[in-house]
Amino acid sequence: MLTGKQRAYLKSMANKMEPVFQIGKNGLTDNFLKQVEDYLEANELVKIKVLKNSLLDASDMAHEIADAIGAEFVQSLGNKFVLYKESKNNKKIQLP
């Protein structure tokens, strides 16, 4: 569970990031979840965009993905959201 200070730190890091993945009308698939999990193992922080044609809510998708892969929800802003998961082998981010 992230503290407020840690969440604020991750938000500031994610502010400069561009979305890496997009969720479209197909929604979540096992392959998509595997790609996000692999990306988080390598980078620890990911920004994902929910496309307008998807009819899915970004916040709901964020929590669903976080629960499925064991990540932490950081932020949802409009149709984008940010997830964090500490890497086992490739730790880059030092949380305050």
C-alpha atoms as a PDB file:
ATOM      1  CA  MET A   1       0.000   0.000   0.000  1.00  0.00           C
ATOM      2  CA  LEU A   2       1.387   3.376  -1.028  1.00  0.00           C
ATOM      3  CA  THR A   3       1.495   6.341   1.343  1.00  0.00           C
ATOM      4  CA  GLY A   4       0.383   9.793   0.245  1.00  0.00           C
ATOM      5  CA  LYS A   5       3.995  10.945  -0.024  1.00  0.00           C
ATOM      6  CA  GLN A   6       4.944   7.950  -2.184  1.00  0.00           C
ATOM      7  CA  ARG A   7       1.875   8.413  -4.389  1.00  0.00           C
ATOM      8  CA  ALA A   8       2.723  12.113  -4.883  1.00  0.00           C
ATOM      9  CA  TYR A   9       6.301  11.183  -5.821  1.00  0.00           C
ATOM     10  CA  LEU A  10       5.083   8.636  -8.397  1.00  0.00           C
ATOM     11  CA  LYS A  11       2.559  11.137  -9.799  1.00  0.00           C
ATOM     12  CA  SER A  12       5.360  13.650 -10.365  1.00  0.00           C
ATOM     13  CA  MET A  13       7.397  10.995 -12.208  1.00  0.00           C
ATOM     14  CA  ALA A  14       4.402   9.942 -14.325  1.00  0.00           C
ATOM     15  CA  ASN A  15       3.598  13.536 -15.241  1.00  0.00           C
ATOM     16  CA  LYS A  16       6.386  13.546 -17.845  1.00  0.00           C
ATOM     17  CA  MET A  17       5.512  10.101 -19.248  1.00  0.00           C
ATOM     18  CA  GLU A  18       3.539   9.341 -22.384  1.00  0.00           C
ATOM     19  CA  PRO A  19       1.023   6.469 -22.339  1.00  0.00           C
ATOM     20  CA  VAL A  20       2.729   3.195 -23.245  1.00  0.00           C
ATOM     21  CA  PHE A  21      -0.393   1.063 -23.741  1.00  0.00           C
ATOM     22  CA  GLN A  22      -3.912   1.724 -25.002  1.00  0.00           C
ATOM     23  CA  ILE A  23      -7.112  -0.095 -24.119  1.00  0.00           C
ATOM     24  CA  GLY A  24      -9.587  -0.179 -26.993  1.00  0.00           C
ATOM     25  CA  LYS A  25     -12.952  -1.760 -27.628  1.00  0.00           C
ATOM     26  CA  ASN A  26     -11.555  -5.263 -27.036  1.00  0.00           C
ATOM     27  CA  GLY A  27     -11.010  -4.418 -23.371  1.00  0.00           C
ATOM     28  CA  LEU A  28      -8.650  -6.491 -21.253  1.00  0.00           C
ATOM     29  CA  THR A  29      -7.133  -9.665 -22.605  1.00  0.00           C
ATOM     30  CA  ASP A  30      -4.685 -12.087 -21.009  1.00  0.00           C
ATOM     31  CA  ASN A  31      -2.050 -11.028 -23.527  1.00  0.00           C
ATOM     32  CA  PHE A  32      -2.532  -7.333 -22.645  1.00  0.00           C
ATOM     33  CA  LEU A  33      -2.195  -8.082 -18.919  1.00  0.00           C
ATOM     34  CA  LYS A  34       0.992 -10.079 -19.567  1.00  0.00           C
ATOM     35  CA  GLN A  35       2.492  -7.196 -21.576  1.00  0.00           C
ATOM     36  CA  VAL A  36       1.679  -4.681 -18.831  1.00  0.00           C
ATOM     37  CA  GLU A  37       3.131  -6.984 -16.180  1.00  0.00           C
ATOM     38  CA  ASP A  38       6.343  -7.465 -18.186  1.00  0.00           C
ATOM     39  CA  TYR A  39       6.638  -3.701 -18.752  1.00  0.00           C
ATOM     40  CA  LEU A  40       6.181  -3.036 -15.030  1.00  0.00           C
ATOM     41  CA  GLU A  41       8.879  -5.591 -14.177  1.00  0.00           C
ATOM     42  CA  ALA A  42      11.279  -3.679 -16.436  1.00  0.00           C
ATOM     43  CA  ASN A  43      10.218  -0.101 -15.583  1.00  0.00           C
ATOM     44  CA  GLU A  44       8.075  -0.174 -12.390  1.00  0.00           C
ATOM     45  CA  LEU A  45       5.785   2.655 -13.570  1.00  0.00           C
ATOM     46  CA  VAL A  46       3.373   2.676 -16.514  1.00  0.00           C
ATOM     47  CA  LYS A  47       0.832   5.089 -17.957  1.00  0.00           C
ATOM     48  CA  ILE A  48      -2.086   3.592 -19.882  1.00  0.00           C
ATOM     49  CA  LYS A  49      -4.699   5.340 -22.025  1.00  0.00           C
ATOM     50  CA  VAL A  50      -8.301   4.188 -22.447  1.00  0.00           C
ATOM     51  CA  LEU A  51      -9.480   5.034 -25.957  1.00  0.00           C
ATOM     52  CA  LYS A  52     -12.805   6.813 -26.464  1.00  0.00           C
ATOM     53  CA  ASN A  53     -14.229   3.925 -28.520  1.00  0.00           C
ATOM     54  CA  SER A  54     -13.737   1.543 -25.596  1.00  0.00           C
ATOM     55  CA  LEU A  55     -16.749   2.676 -23.500  1.00  0.00           C
ATOM     56  CA  LEU A  56     -14.798   1.639 -20.382  1.00  0.00           C
ATOM     57  CA  ASP A  57     -14.030   3.870 -17.400  1.00  0.00           C
ATOM     58  CA  ALA A  58     -10.305   4.545 -16.867  1.00  0.00           C
ATOM     59  CA  SER A  59     -10.511   4.334 -13.079  1.00  0.00           C
ATOM     60  CA  ASP A  60     -12.385   1.018 -13.183  1.00  0.00           C
ATOM     61  CA  MET A  61      -9.891  -0.389 -15.687  1.00  0.00           C
ATOM     62  CA  ALA A  62      -6.967   0.765 -13.546  1.00  0.00           C
ATOM     63  CA  HIS A  63      -8.265  -1.015 -10.462  1.00  0.00           C
ATOM     64  CA  GLU A  64      -9.122  -4.143 -12.451  1.00  0.00           C
ATOM     65  CA  ILE A  65      -5.629  -4.327 -13.975  1.00  0.00           C
ATOM     66  CA  ALA A  66      -3.960  -3.564 -10.636  1.00  0.00           C
ATOM     67  CA  ASP A  67      -5.888  -6.386  -8.954  1.00  0.00           C
ATOM     68  CA  ALA A  68      -5.141  -8.821 -11.781  1.00  0.00           C
ATOM     69  CA  ILE A  69      -1.353  -8.299 -11.790  1.00  0.00           C
ATOM     70  CA  GLY A  70      -0.699  -7.209  -8.205  1.00  0.00           C
ATOM     71  CA  ALA A  71       0.190  -3.596  -9.016  1.00  0.00           C
ATOM     72  CA  GLU A  72      -0.593  -0.406  -7.102  1.00  0.00           C
ATOM     73  CA  PHE A  73      -3.017   2.205  -8.450  1.00  0.00           C
ATOM     74  CA  VAL A  74      -1.326   5.611  -8.471  1.00  0.00           C
ATOM     75  CA  GLN A  75      -3.582   8.017 -10.343  1.00  0.00           C
ATOM     76  CA  SER A  76      -6.417   8.311 -12.827  1.00  0.00           C
ATOM     77  CA  LEU A  77      -6.777  11.518 -14.799  1.00  0.00           C
ATOM     78  CA  GLY A  78      -9.374  11.740 -17.555  1.00  0.00           C
ATOM     79  CA  ASN A  79      -8.901   8.740 -19.826  1.00  0.00           C
ATOM     80  CA  LYS A  80      -5.377   7.940 -18.582  1.00  0.00           C
ATOM     81  CA  PHE A  81      -4.153   6.161 -15.480  1.00  0.00           C
ATOM     82  CA  VAL A  82      -0.870   5.245 -13.827  1.00  0.00           C
ATOM     83  CA  LEU A  83       0.141   1.982 -12.153  1.00  0.00           C
ATOM     84  CA  TYR A  84       3.217   1.086 -10.083  1.00  0.00           C
ATOM     85  CA  LYS A  85       4.673  -2.286  -9.230  1.00  0.00           C
ATOM     86  CA  GLU A  86       8.020  -2.781  -7.532  1.00  0.00           C
ATOM     87  CA  SER A  87      10.362  -4.802  -9.721  1.00  0.00           C
ATOM     88  CA  LYS A  88      11.864  -7.987  -8.300  1.00  0.00           C
ATOM     89  CA  ASN A  89      15.051  -7.954 -10.405  1.00  0.00           C
ATOM     90  CA  ASN A  90      15.288  -4.467 -11.918  1.00  0.00           C
ATOM     91  CA  LYS A  91      14.601  -1.924  -9.141  1.00  0.00           C
ATOM     92  CA  LYS A  92      14.866   1.645 -10.456  1.00  0.00           C
ATOM     93  CA  ILE A  93      12.549   3.761  -8.305  1.00  0.00           C
ATOM     94  CA  GLN A  94      13.458   4.598  -4.712  1.00  0.00           C
ATOM     95  CA  LEU A  95      10.242   5.567  -2.924  1.00  0.00           C
ATOM     96  CA  PRO A  96      10.461   8.203  -0.187  1.00  0.00           C
END
